[in-house]
Amino acid sequence: MSLETGLAPEVIERLKAMGHKVVGPVTGAGPSAGGMEFTFGRAQLIVRDPGSGVLCAGSDGRADGCAMGW
């Protein structure tokens, strides 16, 4: 499993102790022949609660997008 930079060292050690094969930490993006190559995905989403109709939105802070609903 690839781990992004910023995780506490004790979290990484705990994952290793659980048997995970850990790579990294890595930055998540790097140069490639075609531009930028991303190790981790990005997401923006909106979810509507079926009972109340309330919208909840979220956006990955590493990306340049945003999530909005009205």
PDB file of N, CA and C in Angstrom:
ATOM      1  N   MET A   1       0.843  -1.161   0.000  1.00  0.00           N
ATOM      2  CA  MET A   1       0.000   0.000   0.000  1.00  0.00           C
ATOM      3  C   MET A   1       0.890   1.225   0.000  1.00  0.00           C
ATOM      4  N   SER A   2       0.520   2.207  -0.798  1.00  0.00           N
ATOM      5  CA  SER A   2       1.237   3.481  -0.825  1.00  0.00           C
ATOM      6  C   SER A   2       0.610   4.417   0.192  1.00  0.00           C
ATOM      7  N   LEU A   3       1.441   5.098   0.948  1.00  0.00           N
ATOM      8  CA  LEU A   3       0.971   6.041   1.956  1.00  0.00           C
ATOM      9  C   LEU A   3       1.405   7.440   1.581  1.00  0.00           C
ATOM     10  N   GLU A   4       0.494   8.378   1.731  1.00  0.00           N
ATOM     11  CA  GLU A   4       0.768   9.768   1.412  1.00  0.00           C
ATOM     12  C   GLU A   4       1.570  10.429   2.525  1.00  0.00           C
ATOM     13  N   THR A   5       2.342  11.433   2.168  1.00  0.00           N
ATOM     14  CA  THR A   5       3.099  12.178   3.170  1.00  0.00           C
ATOM     15  C   THR A   5       2.138  12.803   4.184  1.00  0.00           C
ATOM     16  N   GLY A   6       2.622  12.990   5.388  1.00  0.00           N
ATOM     17  CA  GLY A   6       1.810  13.629   6.415  1.00  0.00           C
ATOM     18  C   GLY A   6       1.247  12.673   7.451  1.00  0.00           C
ATOM     19  N   LEU A   7       1.336  11.375   7.215  1.00  0.00           N
ATOM     20  CA  LEU A   7       0.864  10.421   8.214  1.00  0.00           C
ATOM     21  C   LEU A   7       1.871  10.331   9.354  1.00  0.00           C
ATOM     22  N   ALA A   8       1.359  10.207  10.548  1.00  0.00           N
ATOM     23  CA  ALA A   8       2.229  10.093  11.719  1.00  0.00           C
ATOM     24  C   ALA A   8       3.047   8.799  11.632  1.00  0.00           C
ATOM     25  N   PRO A   9       4.321   8.847  12.017  1.00  0.00           N
ATOM     26  CA  PRO A   9       5.168   7.658  11.960  1.00  0.00           C
ATOM     27  C   PRO A   9       4.578   6.464  12.719  1.00  0.00           C
ATOM     28  N   GLU A  10       3.895   6.716  13.844  1.00  0.00           N
ATOM     29  CA  GLU A  10       3.312   5.604  14.601  1.00  0.00           C
ATOM     30  C   GLU A  10       2.178   4.920  13.839  1.00  0.00           C
ATOM     31  N   VAL A  11       1.480   5.662  12.985  1.00  0.00           N
ATOM     32  CA  VAL A  11       0.438   5.059  12.149  1.00  0.00           C
ATOM     33  C   VAL A  11       1.084   4.127  11.128  1.00  0.00           C
ATOM     34  N   ILE A  12       2.160   4.591  10.512  1.00  0.00           N
ATOM     35  CA  ILE A  12       2.874   3.777   9.530  1.00  0.00           C
ATOM     36  C   ILE A  12       3.408   2.506  10.181  1.00  0.00           C
ATOM     37  N   GLU A  13       4.004   2.639  11.345  1.00  0.00           N
ATOM     38  CA  GLU A  13       4.544   1.471  12.047  1.00  0.00           C
ATOM     39  C   GLU A  13       3.441   0.492  12.437  1.00  0.00           C
ATOM     40  N   ARG A  14       2.300   1.004  12.837  1.00  0.00           N
ATOM     41  CA  ARG A  14       1.166   0.138  13.212  1.00  0.00           C
ATOM     42  C   ARG A  14       0.668  -0.636  11.997  1.00  0.00           C
ATOM     43  N   LEU A  15       0.585   0.025  10.849  1.00  0.00           N
ATOM     44  CA  LEU A  15       0.159  -0.661   9.627  1.00  0.00           C
ATOM     45  C   LEU A  15       1.142  -1.765   9.252  1.00  0.00           C
ATOM     46  N   LYS A  16       2.441  -1.479   9.385  1.00  0.00           N
ATOM     47  CA  LYS A  16       3.455  -2.503   9.112  1.00  0.00           C
ATOM     48  C   LYS A  16       3.305  -3.676  10.085  1.00  0.00           C
ATOM     49  N   ALA A  17       3.058  -3.366  11.359  1.00  0.00           N
ATOM     50  CA  ALA A  17       2.893  -4.414  12.369  1.00  0.00           C
ATOM     51  C   ALA A  17       1.672  -5.285  12.081  1.00  0.00           C
ATOM     52  N   MET A  18       0.686  -4.721  11.401  1.00  0.00           N
ATOM     53  CA  MET A  18      -0.517  -5.474  11.040  1.00  0.00           C
ATOM     54  C   MET A  18      -0.299  -6.338   9.799  1.00  0.00           C
ATOM     55  N   GLY A  19       0.900  -6.211   9.187  1.00  0.00           N
ATOM     56  CA  GLY A  19       1.225  -7.046   8.037  1.00  0.00           C
ATOM     57  C   GLY A  19       1.117  -6.364   6.685  1.00  0.00           C
ATOM     58  N   HIS A  20       0.813  -5.070   6.669  1.00  0.00           N
ATOM     59  CA  HIS A  20       0.706  -4.360   5.391  1.00  0.00           C
ATOM     60  C   HIS A  20       2.089  -4.099   4.821  1.00  0.00           C
ATOM     61  N   LYS A  21       2.210  -4.245   3.500  1.00  0.00           N
ATOM     62  CA  LYS A  21       3.451  -3.897   2.807  1.00  0.00           C
ATOM     63  C   LYS A  21       3.350  -2.427   2.432  1.00  0.00           C
ATOM     64  N   VAL A  22       4.085  -1.606   3.159  1.00  0.00           N
ATOM     65  CA  VAL A  22       3.978  -0.154   3.046  1.00  0.00           C
ATOM     66  C   VAL A  22       5.043   0.403   2.117  1.00  0.00           C
ATOM     67  N   VAL A  23       4.636   1.293   1.218  1.00  0.00           N
ATOM     68  CA  VAL A  23       5.541   2.031   0.332  1.00  0.00           C
ATOM     69  C   VAL A  23       5.374   3.503   0.671  1.00  0.00           C
ATOM     70  N   GLY A  24       6.478   4.187   0.811  1.00  0.00           N
ATOM     71  CA  GLY A  24       6.374   5.622   1.022  1.00  0.00           C
ATOM     72  C   GLY A  24       6.794   6.034   2.415  1.00  0.00           C
ATOM     73  N   PRO A  25       6.436   7.194   2.825  1.00  0.00           N
ATOM     74  CA  PRO A  25       5.390   8.009   2.214  1.00  0.00           C
ATOM     75  C   PRO A  25       5.818   8.615   0.870  1.00  0.00           C
ATOM     76  N   VAL A  26       4.827   8.827   0.013  1.00  0.00           N
ATOM     77  CA  VAL A  26       5.043   9.434  -1.301  1.00  0.00           C
ATOM     78  C   VAL A  26       4.229  10.713  -1.372  1.00  0.00           C
ATOM     79  N   THR A  27       4.583  11.580  -2.310  1.00  0.00           N
ATOM     80  CA  THR A  27       3.893  12.867  -2.417  1.00  0.00           C
ATOM     81  C   THR A  27       2.539  12.758  -3.110  1.00  0.00           C
ATOM     82  N   GLY A  28       2.315  11.715  -3.897  1.00  0.00           N
ATOM     83  CA  GLY A  28       1.037  11.576  -4.590  1.00  0.00           C
ATOM     84  C   GLY A  28       1.062  12.051  -6.020  1.00  0.00           C
ATOM     85  N   ALA A  29       2.022  12.887  -6.392  1.00  0.00           N
ATOM     86  CA  ALA A  29       2.118  13.370  -7.767  1.00  0.00           C
ATOM     87  C   ALA A  29       3.574  13.497  -8.148  1.00  0.00           C
ATOM     88  N   GLY A  30       3.843  13.253  -9.403  1.00  0.00           N
ATOM     89  CA  GLY A  30       5.208  13.385  -9.880  1.00  0.00           C
ATOM     90  C   GLY A  30       5.247  13.512 -11.385  1.00  0.00           C
ATOM     91  N   PRO A  31       6.366  13.900 -11.937  1.00  0.00           N
ATOM     92  CA  PRO A  31       6.454  14.086 -13.385  1.00  0.00           C
ATOM     93  C   PRO A  31       6.426  12.751 -14.133  1.00  0.00           C
ATOM     94  N   SER A  32       5.831  12.766 -15.284  1.00  0.00           N
ATOM     95  CA  SER A  32       5.850  11.604 -16.175  1.00  0.00           C
ATOM     96  C   SER A  32       5.954  12.123 -17.604  1.00  0.00           C
ATOM     97  N   ALA A  33       6.077  11.226 -18.554  1.00  0.00           N
ATOM     98  CA  ALA A  33       6.238  11.637 -19.950  1.00  0.00           C
ATOM     99  C   ALA A  33       5.053  12.447 -20.458  1.00  0.00           C
ATOM    100  N   GLY A  34       3.855  12.138 -19.957  1.00  0.00           N
ATOM    101  CA  GLY A  34       2.659  12.819 -20.454  1.00  0.00           C
ATOM    102  C   GLY A  34       2.178  13.965 -19.587  1.00  0.00           C
ATOM    103  N   GLY A  35       2.926  14.404 -18.617  1.00  0.00           N
ATOM    104  CA  GLY A  35       2.477  15.486 -17.739  1.00  0.00           C
ATOM    105  C   GLY A  35       2.608  15.063 -16.292  1.00  0.00           C
ATOM    106  N   MET A  36       1.511  15.140 -15.547  1.00  0.00           N
ATOM    107  CA  MET A  36       1.544  14.760 -14.136  1.00  0.00           C
ATOM    108  C   MET A  36       0.971  13.358 -13.971  1.00  0.00           C
ATOM    109  N   GLU A  37       1.606  12.581 -13.159  1.00  0.00           N
ATOM    110  CA  GLU A  37       1.155  11.225 -12.835  1.00  0.00           C
ATOM    111  C   GLU A  37       0.736  11.226 -11.375  1.00  0.00           C
ATOM    112  N   PHE A  38      -0.508  10.824 -11.089  1.00  0.00           N
ATOM    113  CA  PHE A  38      -1.021  10.857  -9.727  1.00  0.00           C
ATOM    114  C   PHE A  38      -1.127   9.453  -9.157  1.00  0.00           C
ATOM    115  N   THR A  39      -0.583   9.281  -7.968  1.00  0.00           N
ATOM    116  CA  THR A  39      -0.680   8.009  -7.264  1.00  0.00           C
ATOM    117  C   THR A  39      -2.031   7.889  -6.589  1.00  0.00           C
ATOM    118  N   PHE A  40      -2.551   8.991  -6.070  1.00  0.00           N
ATOM    119  CA  PHE A  40      -3.807   8.991  -5.336  1.00  0.00           C
ATOM    120  C   PHE A  40      -4.871   9.716  -6.140  1.00  0.00           C
ATOM    121  N   GLY A  41      -6.101   9.263  -6.018  1.00  0.00           N
ATOM    122  CA  GLY A  41      -7.208   9.890  -6.718  1.00  0.00           C
ATOM    123  C   GLY A  41      -7.645  11.193  -6.071  1.00  0.00           C
ATOM    124  N   ARG A  42      -8.525  11.893  -6.740  1.00  0.00           N
ATOM    125  CA  ARG A  42      -9.109  13.129  -6.235  1.00  0.00           C
ATOM    126  C   ARG A  42     -10.624  12.960  -6.277  1.00  0.00           C
ATOM    127  N   ALA A  43     -11.331  13.698  -5.436  1.00  0.00           N
ATOM    128  CA  ALA A  43     -12.785  13.548  -5.416  1.00  0.00           C
ATOM    129  C   ALA A  43     -13.483  14.834  -4.996  1.00  0.00           C
ATOM    130  N   GLN A  44     -14.610  15.084  -5.602  1.00  0.00           N
ATOM    131  CA  GLN A  44     -15.584  16.059  -5.166  1.00  0.00           C
ATOM    132  C   GLN A  44     -16.915  15.328  -5.195  1.00  0.00           C
ATOM    133  N   LEU A  45     -17.733  15.514  -4.161  1.00  0.00           N
ATOM    134  CA  LEU A  45     -18.990  14.778  -4.128  1.00  0.00           C
ATOM    135  C   LEU A  45     -20.080  15.566  -3.434  1.00  0.00           C
ATOM    136  N   ILE A  46     -21.311  15.206  -3.777  1.00  0.00           N
ATOM    137  CA  ILE A  46     -22.494  15.754  -3.132  1.00  0.00           C
ATOM    138  C   ILE A  46     -23.422  14.585  -2.841  1.00  0.00           C
ATOM    139  N   VAL A  47     -23.916  14.506  -1.612  1.00  0.00           N
ATOM    140  CA  VAL A  47     -24.830  13.443  -1.201  1.00  0.00           C
ATOM    141  C   VAL A  47     -26.098  14.091  -0.664  1.00  0.00           C
ATOM    142  N   ARG A  48     -27.252  13.585  -1.108  1.00  0.00           N
ATOM    143  CA  ARG A  48     -28.536  14.080  -0.609  1.00  0.00           C
ATOM    144  C   ARG A  48     -29.103  13.049   0.364  1.00  0.00           C
ATOM    145  N   ASP A  49     -29.421  13.487   1.576  1.00  0.00           N
ATOM    146  CA  ASP A  49     -30.071  12.614   2.558  1.00  0.00           C
ATOM    147  C   ASP A  49     -31.490  12.336   2.062  1.00  0.00           C
ATOM    148  N   PRO A  50     -31.839  11.066   1.813  1.00  0.00           N
ATOM    149  CA  PRO A  50     -33.158  10.766   1.244  1.00  0.00           C
ATOM    150  C   PRO A  50     -34.319  11.123   2.179  1.00  0.00           C
ATOM    151  N   GLY A  51     -34.076  11.149   3.477  1.00  0.00           N
ATOM    152  CA  GLY A  51     -35.146  11.464   4.410  1.00  0.00           C
ATOM    153  C   GLY A  51     -35.420  12.950   4.535  1.00  0.00           C
ATOM    154  N   SER A  52     -34.352  13.737   4.652  1.00  0.00           N
ATOM    155  CA  SER A  52     -34.520  15.178   4.886  1.00  0.00           C
ATOM    156  C   SER A  52     -34.316  16.025   3.639  1.00  0.00           C
ATOM    157  N   GLY A  53     -33.652  15.469   2.626  1.00  0.00           N
ATOM    158  CA  GLY A  53     -33.335  16.250   1.431  1.00  0.00           C
ATOM    159  C   GLY A  53     -32.114  17.139   1.600  1.00  0.00           C
ATOM    160  N   VAL A  54     -31.478  17.102   2.772  1.00  0.00           N
ATOM    161  CA  VAL A  54     -30.300  17.928   3.031  1.00  0.00           C
ATOM    162  C   VAL A  54     -29.131  17.462   2.164  1.00  0.00           C
ATOM    163  N   LEU A  55     -28.425  18.425   1.578  1.00  0.00           N
ATOM    164  CA  LEU A  55     -27.240  18.139   0.769  1.00  0.00           C
ATOM    165  C   LEU A  55     -25.986  18.297   1.621  1.00  0.00           C
ATOM    166  N   CYS A  56     -25.071  17.357   1.501  1.00  0.00           N
ATOM    167  CA  CYS A  56     -23.752  17.430   2.131  1.00  0.00           C
ATOM    168  C   CYS A  56     -22.724  17.333   1.019  1.00  0.00           C
ATOM    169  N   ALA A  57     -21.766  18.260   0.997  1.00  0.00           N
ATOM    170  CA  ALA A  57     -20.767  18.295  -0.064  1.00  0.00           C
ATOM    171  C   ALA A  57     -19.373  18.227   0.530  1.00  0.00           C
ATOM    172  N   GLY A  58     -18.449  17.651  -0.222  1.00  0.00           N
ATOM    173  CA  GLY A  58     -17.061  17.578   0.204  1.00  0.00           C
ATOM    174  C   GLY A  58     -16.143  17.634  -1.000  1.00  0.00           C
ATOM    175  N   SER A  59     -14.946  18.163  -0.796  1.00  0.00           N
ATOM    176  CA  SER A  59     -13.965  18.269  -1.858  1.00  0.00           C
ATOM    177  C   SER A  59     -12.585  17.946  -1.312  1.00  0.00           C
ATOM    178  N   ASP A  60     -11.824  17.209  -2.070  1.00  0.00           N
ATOM    179  CA  ASP A  60     -10.460  16.859  -1.699  1.00  0.00           C
ATOM    180  C   ASP A  60      -9.604  18.114  -1.722  1.00  0.00           C
ATOM    181  N   GLY A  61      -9.012  18.461  -0.589  1.00  0.00           N
ATOM    182  CA  GLY A  61      -8.205  19.665  -0.488  1.00  0.00           C
ATOM    183  C   GLY A  61      -6.935  19.648  -1.327  1.00  0.00           C
ATOM    184  N   ARG A  62      -6.537  18.468  -1.834  1.00  0.00           N
ATOM    185  CA  ARG A  62      -5.335  18.377  -2.669  1.00  0.00           C
ATOM    186  C   ARG A  62      -5.628  18.733  -4.112  1.00  0.00           C
ATOM    187  N   ALA A  63      -6.899  18.813  -4.472  1.00  0.00           N
ATOM    188  CA  ALA A  63      -7.279  19.078  -5.852  1.00  0.00           C
ATOM    189  C   ALA A  63      -7.682  20.550  -6.017  1.00  0.00           C
ATOM    190  N   ASP A  64      -7.955  20.956  -7.242  1.00  0.00           N
ATOM    191  CA  ASP A  64      -8.301  22.354  -7.493  1.00  0.00           C
ATOM    192  C   ASP A  64      -9.806  22.562  -7.693  1.00  0.00           C
ATOM    193  N   GLY A  65     -10.607  21.550  -7.385  1.00  0.00           N
ATOM    194  CA  GLY A  65     -12.042  21.666  -7.563  1.00  0.00           C
ATOM    195  C   GLY A  65     -12.751  22.066  -6.280  1.00  0.00           C
ATOM    196  N   CYS A  66     -14.063  22.031  -6.337  1.00  0.00           N
ATOM    197  CA  CYS A  66     -14.878  22.297  -5.164  1.00  0.00           C
ATOM    198  C   CYS A  66     -16.190  21.523  -5.313  1.00  0.00           C
ATOM    199  N   ALA A  67     -16.904  21.364  -4.224  1.00  0.00           N
ATOM    200  CA  ALA A  67     -18.195  20.688  -4.253  1.00  0.00           C
ATOM    201  C   ALA A  67     -19.250  21.669  -3.775  1.00  0.00           C
ATOM    202  N   MET A  68     -20.305  21.880  -4.576  1.00  0.00           N
ATOM    203  CA  MET A  68     -21.368  22.805  -4.201  1.00  0.00           C
ATOM    204  C   MET A  68     -22.714  22.200  -4.600  1.00  0.00           C
ATOM    205  N   GLY A  69     -23.717  22.542  -3.869  1.00  0.00           N
ATOM    206  CA  GLY A  69     -25.068  22.117  -4.218  1.00  0.00           C
ATOM    207  C   GLY A  69     -26.066  23.185  -3.824  1.00  0.00           C
ATOM    208  N   TRP A  70     -27.206  23.225  -4.516  1.00  0.00           N
ATOM    209  CA  TRP A  70     -28.259  24.182  -4.155  1.00  0.00           C
ATOM    210  C   TRP A  70     -29.603  23.627  -4.510  1.00  0.00           C
TER     211      TRP A  70
END
